[in-house]
Amino acid sequence: MLSRTNEGHLIPEMGVIETVESDNILRWDGAVLYVEQDVYHNGQVVHRKYKRRVTKEVAQAILAMLAEKM
């Protein structure tokens, strides 16, 4: 299921409103934990399957949750 932000954020330097669409699935490529997102500027796609890295704090929290399950 894809989720899309209802409100974007203005990037004044570029004069665009940026919105993102994501399936919210965490992925691991062997080195990086990330979520794929489609990025739009003023409603037009500018990046497909952009890899947005998960922050270190979130990755550590996920690791702790997985460690509890084992």
PDB file of N, CA and C in Angstrom:
ATOM      1  N   MET A   1       0.839  -1.175   0.000  1.00  0.00           N
ATOM      2  CA  MET A   1       0.000   0.000   0.000  1.00  0.00           C
ATOM      3  C   MET A   1       0.885   1.239   0.000  1.00  0.00           C
ATOM      4  N   LEU A   2       0.657   2.121  -0.914  1.00  0.00           N
ATOM      5  CA  LEU A   2       1.440   3.342  -1.005  1.00  0.00           C
ATOM      6  C   LEU A   2       0.860   4.412  -0.110  1.00  0.00           C
ATOM      7  N   SER A   3       1.741   5.177   0.504  1.00  0.00           N
ATOM      8  CA  SER A   3       1.277   6.327   1.268  1.00  0.00           C
ATOM      9  C   SER A   3       1.849   7.572   0.617  1.00  0.00           C
ATOM     10  N   ARG A   4       1.064   8.610   0.610  1.00  0.00           N
ATOM     11  CA  ARG A   4       1.486   9.866  -0.004  1.00  0.00           C
ATOM     12  C   ARG A   4       1.229  10.985   0.985  1.00  0.00           C
ATOM     13  N   THR A   5       2.186  11.885   1.083  1.00  0.00           N
ATOM     14  CA  THR A   5       1.996  13.014   1.979  1.00  0.00           C
ATOM     15  C   THR A   5       0.919  13.922   1.414  1.00  0.00           C
ATOM     16  N   ASN A   6      -0.018  14.334   2.265  1.00  0.00           N
ATOM     17  CA  ASN A   6      -1.084  15.227   1.821  1.00  0.00           C
ATOM     18  C   ASN A   6      -0.559  16.628   1.575  1.00  0.00           C
ATOM     19  N   GLU A   7       0.363  17.043   2.409  1.00  0.00           N
ATOM     20  CA  GLU A   7       0.941  18.368   2.270  1.00  0.00           C
ATOM     21  C   GLU A   7       2.420  18.211   1.986  1.00  0.00           C
ATOM     22  N   GLY A   8       2.898  18.952   1.040  1.00  0.00           N
ATOM     23  CA  GLY A   8       4.319  18.937   0.757  1.00  0.00           C
ATOM     24  C   GLY A   8       5.012  20.031   1.532  1.00  0.00           C
ATOM     25  N   HIS A   9       6.289  20.157   1.271  1.00  0.00           N
ATOM     26  CA  HIS A   9       7.003  21.275   1.888  1.00  0.00           C
ATOM     27  C   HIS A   9       7.636  22.121   0.789  1.00  0.00           C
ATOM     28  N   LEU A  10       7.605  23.403   1.014  1.00  0.00           N
ATOM     29  CA  LEU A  10       8.111  24.367   0.050  1.00  0.00           C
ATOM     30  C   LEU A  10       9.636  24.381   0.085  1.00  0.00           C
ATOM     31  N   ILE A  11      10.234  24.316  -1.089  1.00  0.00           N
ATOM     32  CA  ILE A  11      11.675  24.498  -1.223  1.00  0.00           C
ATOM     33  C   ILE A  11      11.860  25.856  -1.893  1.00  0.00           C
ATOM     34  N   PRO A  12      12.042  26.914  -1.084  1.00  0.00           N
ATOM     35  CA  PRO A  12      12.070  28.282  -1.626  1.00  0.00           C
ATOM     36  C   PRO A  12      13.144  28.506  -2.684  1.00  0.00           C
ATOM     37  N   GLU A  13      14.323  27.895  -2.490  1.00  0.00           N
ATOM     38  CA  GLU A  13      15.419  28.090  -3.437  1.00  0.00           C
ATOM     39  C   GLU A  13      15.062  27.612  -4.841  1.00  0.00           C
ATOM     40  N   MET A  14      14.206  26.599  -4.913  1.00  0.00           N
ATOM     41  CA  MET A  14      13.821  26.031  -6.204  1.00  0.00           C
ATOM     42  C   MET A  14      12.442  26.491  -6.649  1.00  0.00           C
ATOM     43  N   GLY A  15      11.679  27.063  -5.734  1.00  0.00           N
ATOM     44  CA  GLY A  15      10.331  27.508  -6.066  1.00  0.00           C
ATOM     45  C   GLY A  15       9.370  26.365  -6.333  1.00  0.00           C
ATOM     46  N   VAL A  16       9.546  25.243  -5.598  1.00  0.00           N
ATOM     47  CA  VAL A  16       8.684  24.080  -5.791  1.00  0.00           C
ATOM     48  C   VAL A  16       8.146  23.591  -4.454  1.00  0.00           C
ATOM     49  N   ILE A  17       7.047  22.854  -4.527  1.00  0.00           N
ATOM     50  CA  ILE A  17       6.510  22.147  -3.370  1.00  0.00           C
ATOM     51  C   ILE A  17       6.839  20.677  -3.577  1.00  0.00           C
ATOM     52  N   GLU A  18       7.538  20.097  -2.612  1.00  0.00           N
ATOM     53  CA  GLU A  18       7.961  18.708  -2.720  1.00  0.00           C
ATOM     54  C   GLU A  18       7.027  17.810  -1.918  1.00  0.00           C
ATOM     55  N   THR A  19       6.565  16.740  -2.552  1.00  0.00           N
ATOM     56  CA  THR A  19       5.786  15.703  -1.878  1.00  0.00           C
ATOM     57  C   THR A  19       6.446  14.363  -2.173  1.00  0.00           C
ATOM     58  N   VAL A  20       6.169  13.373  -1.321  1.00  0.00           N
ATOM     59  CA  VAL A  20       6.744  12.045  -1.516  1.00  0.00           C
ATOM     60  C   VAL A  20       5.651  10.990  -1.413  1.00  0.00           C
ATOM     61  N   GLU A  21       5.897   9.872  -2.078  1.00  0.00           N
ATOM     62  CA  GLU A  21       5.016   8.707  -2.025  1.00  0.00           C
ATOM     63  C   GLU A  21       5.894   7.508  -1.705  1.00  0.00           C
ATOM     64  N   SER A  22       5.450   6.674  -0.758  1.00  0.00           N
ATOM     65  CA  SER A  22       6.261   5.544  -0.330  1.00  0.00           C
ATOM     66  C   SER A  22       5.385   4.352   0.011  1.00  0.00           C
ATOM     67  N   ASP A  23       5.950   3.144  -0.141  1.00  0.00           N
ATOM     68  CA  ASP A  23       5.242   1.942   0.295  1.00  0.00           C
ATOM     69  C   ASP A  23       5.586   1.615   1.752  1.00  0.00           C
ATOM     70  N   ASN A  24       6.476   2.400   2.360  1.00  0.00           N
ATOM     71  CA  ASN A  24       6.866   2.269   3.771  1.00  0.00           C
ATOM     72  C   ASN A  24       7.439   0.898   4.125  1.00  0.00           C
ATOM     73  N   ILE A  25       8.113   0.272   3.177  1.00  0.00           N
ATOM     74  CA  ILE A  25       8.764  -1.015   3.427  1.00  0.00           C
ATOM     75  C   ILE A  25      10.251  -0.766   3.638  1.00  0.00           C
ATOM     76  N   LEU A  26      10.769  -1.227   4.782  1.00  0.00           N
ATOM     77  CA  LEU A  26      12.203  -1.111   5.037  1.00  0.00           C
ATOM     78  C   LEU A  26      12.942  -2.108   4.166  1.00  0.00           C
ATOM     79  N   ARG A  27      14.039  -1.663   3.584  1.00  0.00           N
ATOM     80  CA  ARG A  27      14.854  -2.532   2.740  1.00  0.00           C
ATOM     81  C   ARG A  27      16.304  -2.479   3.217  1.00  0.00           C
ATOM     82  N   TRP A  28      17.012  -3.574   3.002  1.00  0.00           N
ATOM     83  CA  TRP A  28      18.418  -3.672   3.378  1.00  0.00           C
ATOM     84  C   TRP A  28      19.176  -4.157   2.157  1.00  0.00           C
ATOM     85  N   ASP A  29      20.205  -3.414   1.738  1.00  0.00           N
ATOM     86  CA  ASP A  29      20.968  -3.813   0.555  1.00  0.00           C
ATOM     87  C   ASP A  29      22.334  -4.400   0.919  1.00  0.00           C
ATOM     88  N   GLY A  30      22.512  -4.755   2.192  1.00  0.00           N
ATOM     89  CA  GLY A  30      23.776  -5.295   2.652  1.00  0.00           C
ATOM     90  C   GLY A  30      24.647  -4.249   3.318  1.00  0.00           C
ATOM     91  N   ALA A  31      24.331  -2.983   3.079  1.00  0.00           N
ATOM     92  CA  ALA A  31      25.112  -1.898   3.680  1.00  0.00           C
ATOM     93  C   ALA A  31      24.229  -0.799   4.256  1.00  0.00           C
ATOM     94  N   VAL A  32      23.070  -0.593   3.648  1.00  0.00           N
ATOM     95  CA  VAL A  32      22.221   0.543   4.019  1.00  0.00           C
ATOM     96  C   VAL A  32      20.791   0.076   4.258  1.00  0.00           C
ATOM     97  N   LEU A  33      20.180   0.572   5.333  1.00  0.00           N
ATOM     98  CA  LEU A  33      18.765   0.363   5.613  1.00  0.00           C
ATOM     99  C   LEU A  33      18.030   1.582   5.074  1.00  0.00           C
ATOM    100  N   TYR A  34      17.039   1.364   4.208  1.00  0.00           N
ATOM    101  CA  TYR A  34      16.395   2.492   3.536  1.00  0.00           C
ATOM    102  C   TYR A  34      14.934   2.205   3.213  1.00  0.00           C
ATOM    103  N   VAL A  35      14.223   3.253   2.824  1.00  0.00           N
ATOM    104  CA  VAL A  35      12.847   3.180   2.344  1.00  0.00           C
ATOM    105  C   VAL A  35      12.841   3.795   0.950  1.00  0.00           C
ATOM    106  N   GLU A  36      12.190   3.133  -0.005  1.00  0.00           N
ATOM    107  CA  GLU A  36      12.090   3.700  -1.353  1.00  0.00           C
ATOM    108  C   GLU A  36      10.956   4.707  -1.405  1.00  0.00           C
ATOM    109  N   GLN A  37      11.222   5.835  -2.041  1.00  0.00           N
ATOM    110  CA  GLN A  37      10.215   6.881  -2.173  1.00  0.00           C
ATOM    111  C   GLN A  37      10.225   7.436  -3.590  1.00  0.00           C
ATOM    112  N   ASP A  38       9.044   7.799  -4.065  1.00  0.00           N
ATOM    113  CA  ASP A  38       8.924   8.582  -5.289  1.00  0.00           C
ATOM    114  C   ASP A  38       8.795  10.031  -4.848  1.00  0.00           C
ATOM    115  N   VAL A  39       9.593  10.907  -5.432  1.00  0.00           N
ATOM    116  CA  VAL A  39       9.629  12.317  -5.043  1.00  0.00           C
ATOM    117  C   VAL A  39       9.026  13.151  -6.169  1.00  0.00           C
ATOM    118  N   TYR A  40       8.137  14.063  -5.791  1.00  0.00           N
ATOM    119  CA  TYR A  40       7.450  14.928  -6.755  1.00  0.00           C
ATOM    120  C   TYR A  40       7.741  16.391  -6.452  1.00  0.00           C
ATOM    121  N   HIS A  41       7.925  17.180  -7.500  1.00  0.00           N
ATOM    122  CA  HIS A  41       8.021  18.639  -7.386  1.00  0.00           C
ATOM    123  C   HIS A  41       6.856  19.228  -8.158  1.00  0.00           C
ATOM    124  N   ASN A  42       6.003  19.952  -7.448  1.00  0.00           N
ATOM    125  CA  ASN A  42       4.794  20.543  -8.040  1.00  0.00           C
ATOM    126  C   ASN A  42       3.970  19.497  -8.785  1.00  0.00           C
ATOM    127  N   GLY A  43       3.897  18.295  -8.231  1.00  0.00           N
ATOM    128  CA  GLY A  43       3.066  17.239  -8.791  1.00  0.00           C
ATOM    129  C   GLY A  43       3.719  16.412  -9.880  1.00  0.00           C
ATOM    130  N   GLN A  44       4.911  16.761 -10.322  1.00  0.00           N
ATOM    131  CA  GLN A  44       5.600  15.998 -11.364  1.00  0.00           C
ATOM    132  C   GLN A  44       6.727  15.188 -10.741  1.00  0.00           C
ATOM    133  N   VAL A  45       6.799  13.910 -11.132  1.00  0.00           N
ATOM    134  CA  VAL A  45       7.812  13.029 -10.550  1.00  0.00           C
ATOM    135  C   VAL A  45       9.211  13.491 -10.971  1.00  0.00           C
ATOM    136  N   VAL A  46      10.116  13.554  -9.991  1.00  0.00           N
ATOM    137  CA  VAL A  46      11.509  13.910 -10.277  1.00  0.00           C
ATOM    138  C   VAL A  46      12.472  12.788  -9.888  1.00  0.00           C
ATOM    139  N   HIS A  47      12.050  11.886  -8.995  1.00  0.00           N
ATOM    140  CA  HIS A  47      12.864  10.733  -8.604  1.00  0.00           C
ATOM    141  C   HIS A  47      11.941   9.542  -8.399  1.00  0.00           C
ATOM    142  N   ARG A  48      12.242   8.440  -9.042  1.00  0.00           N
ATOM    143  CA  ARG A  48      11.532   7.178  -8.805  1.00  0.00           C
ATOM    144  C   ARG A  48      12.427   6.288  -7.957  1.00  0.00           C
ATOM    145  N   LYS A  49      11.831   5.663  -6.970  1.00  0.00           N
ATOM    146  CA  LYS A  49      12.534   4.719  -6.097  1.00  0.00           C
ATOM    147  C   LYS A  49      13.790   5.329  -5.482  1.00  0.00           C
ATOM    148  N   TYR A  50      13.654   6.574  -5.031  1.00  0.00           N
ATOM    149  CA  TYR A  50      14.746   7.247  -4.321  1.00  0.00           C
ATOM    150  C   TYR A  50      14.975   6.524  -3.003  1.00  0.00           C
ATOM    151  N   LYS A  51      16.215   6.212  -2.692  1.00  0.00           N
ATOM    152  CA  LYS A  51      16.537   5.500  -1.454  1.00  0.00           C
ATOM    153  C   LYS A  51      16.774   6.514  -0.336  1.00  0.00           C
ATOM    154  N   ARG A  52      15.809   6.630   0.561  1.00  0.00           N
ATOM    155  CA  ARG A  52      15.956   7.522   1.712  1.00  0.00           C
ATOM    156  C   ARG A  52      16.468   6.685   2.874  1.00  0.00           C
ATOM    157  N   ARG A  53      17.657   7.001   3.338  1.00  0.00           N
ATOM    158  CA  ARG A  53      18.275   6.238   4.425  1.00  0.00           C
ATOM    159  C   ARG A  53      17.520   6.417   5.731  1.00  0.00           C
ATOM    160  N   VAL A  54      17.464   5.338   6.491  1.00  0.00           N
ATOM    161  CA  VAL A  54      16.881   5.367   7.827  1.00  0.00           C
ATOM    162  C   VAL A  54      17.948   5.935   8.763  1.00  0.00           C
ATOM    163  N   THR A  55      17.543   6.772   9.700  1.00  0.00           N
ATOM    164  CA  THR A  55      18.516   7.366  10.618  1.00  0.00           C
ATOM    165  C   THR A  55      19.134   6.301  11.520  1.00  0.00           C
ATOM    166  N   LYS A  56      20.289   6.617  12.048  1.00  0.00           N
ATOM    167  CA  LYS A  56      20.998   5.695  12.934  1.00  0.00           C
ATOM    168  C   LYS A  56      20.143   5.331  14.140  1.00  0.00           C
ATOM    169  N   GLU A  57      19.444   6.309  14.696  1.00  0.00           N
ATOM    170  CA  GLU A  57      18.612   6.068  15.878  1.00  0.00           C
ATOM    171  C   GLU A  57      17.472   5.094  15.567  1.00  0.00           C
ATOM    172  N   VAL A  58      16.849   5.256  14.418  1.00  0.00           N
ATOM    173  CA  VAL A  58      15.758   4.354  14.029  1.00  0.00           C
ATOM    174  C   VAL A  58      16.308   2.957  13.771  1.00  0.00           C
ATOM    175  N   ALA A  59      17.427   2.860  13.096  1.00  0.00           N
ATOM    176  CA  ALA A  59      18.035   1.553  12.831  1.00  0.00           C
ATOM    177  C   ALA A  59      18.386   0.843  14.136  1.00  0.00           C
ATOM    178  N   GLN A  60      18.909   1.583  15.116  1.00  0.00           N
ATOM    179  CA  GLN A  60      19.244   0.982  16.408  1.00  0.00           C
ATOM    180  C   GLN A  60      17.991   0.509  17.137  1.00  0.00           C
ATOM    181  N   ALA A  61      16.912   1.261  17.057  1.00  0.00           N
ATOM    182  CA  ALA A  61      15.654   0.860  17.693  1.00  0.00           C
ATOM    183  C   ALA A  61      15.106  -0.408  17.043  1.00  0.00           C
ATOM    184  N   ILE A  62      15.187  -0.501  15.732  1.00  0.00           N
ATOM    185  CA  ILE A  62      14.721  -1.702  15.024  1.00  0.00           C
ATOM    186  C   ILE A  62      15.578  -2.898  15.412  1.00  0.00           C
ATOM    187  N   LEU A  63      16.888  -2.706  15.484  1.00  0.00           N
ATOM    188  CA  LEU A  63      17.790  -3.777  15.895  1.00  0.00           C
ATOM    189  C   LEU A  63      17.455  -4.270  17.298  1.00  0.00           C
ATOM    190  N   ALA A  64      17.166  -3.357  18.205  1.00  0.00           N
ATOM    191  CA  ALA A  64      16.808  -3.736  19.576  1.00  0.00           C
ATOM    192  C   ALA A  64      15.509  -4.540  19.594  1.00  0.00           C
ATOM    193  N   MET A  65      14.530  -4.131  18.788  1.00  0.00           N
ATOM    194  CA  MET A  65      13.260  -4.870  18.723  1.00  0.00           C
ATOM    195  C   MET A  65      13.484  -6.267  18.170  1.00  0.00           C
ATOM    196  N   LEU A  66      14.300  -6.394  17.146  1.00  0.00           N
ATOM    197  CA  LEU A  66      14.580  -7.708  16.566  1.00  0.00           C
ATOM    198  C   LEU A  66      15.341  -8.590  17.547  1.00  0.00           C
ATOM    199  N   ALA A  67      16.244  -8.007  18.314  1.00  0.00           N
ATOM    200  CA  ALA A  67      17.013  -8.772  19.298  1.00  0.00           C
ATOM    201  C   ALA A  67      16.104  -9.338  20.386  1.00  0.00           C
ATOM    202  N   GLU A  68      15.058  -8.600  20.755  1.00  0.00           N
ATOM    203  CA  GLU A  68      14.104  -9.075  21.764  1.00  0.00           C
ATOM    204  C   GLU A  68      13.329 -10.287  21.268  1.00  0.00           C
ATOM    205  N   LYS A  69      13.075 -10.355  19.971  1.00  0.00           N
ATOM    206  CA  LYS A  69      12.277 -11.442  19.396  1.00  0.00           C
ATOM    207  C   LYS A  69      13.060 -12.743  19.299  1.00  0.00           C
ATOM    208  N   MET A  70      14.387 -12.652  19.366  1.00  0.00           N
ATOM    209  CA  MET A  70      15.209 -13.851  19.171  1.00  0.00           C
ATOM    210  C   MET A  70      15.600 -14.482  20.462  1.00  0.00           C
TER     211      MET A  70
END
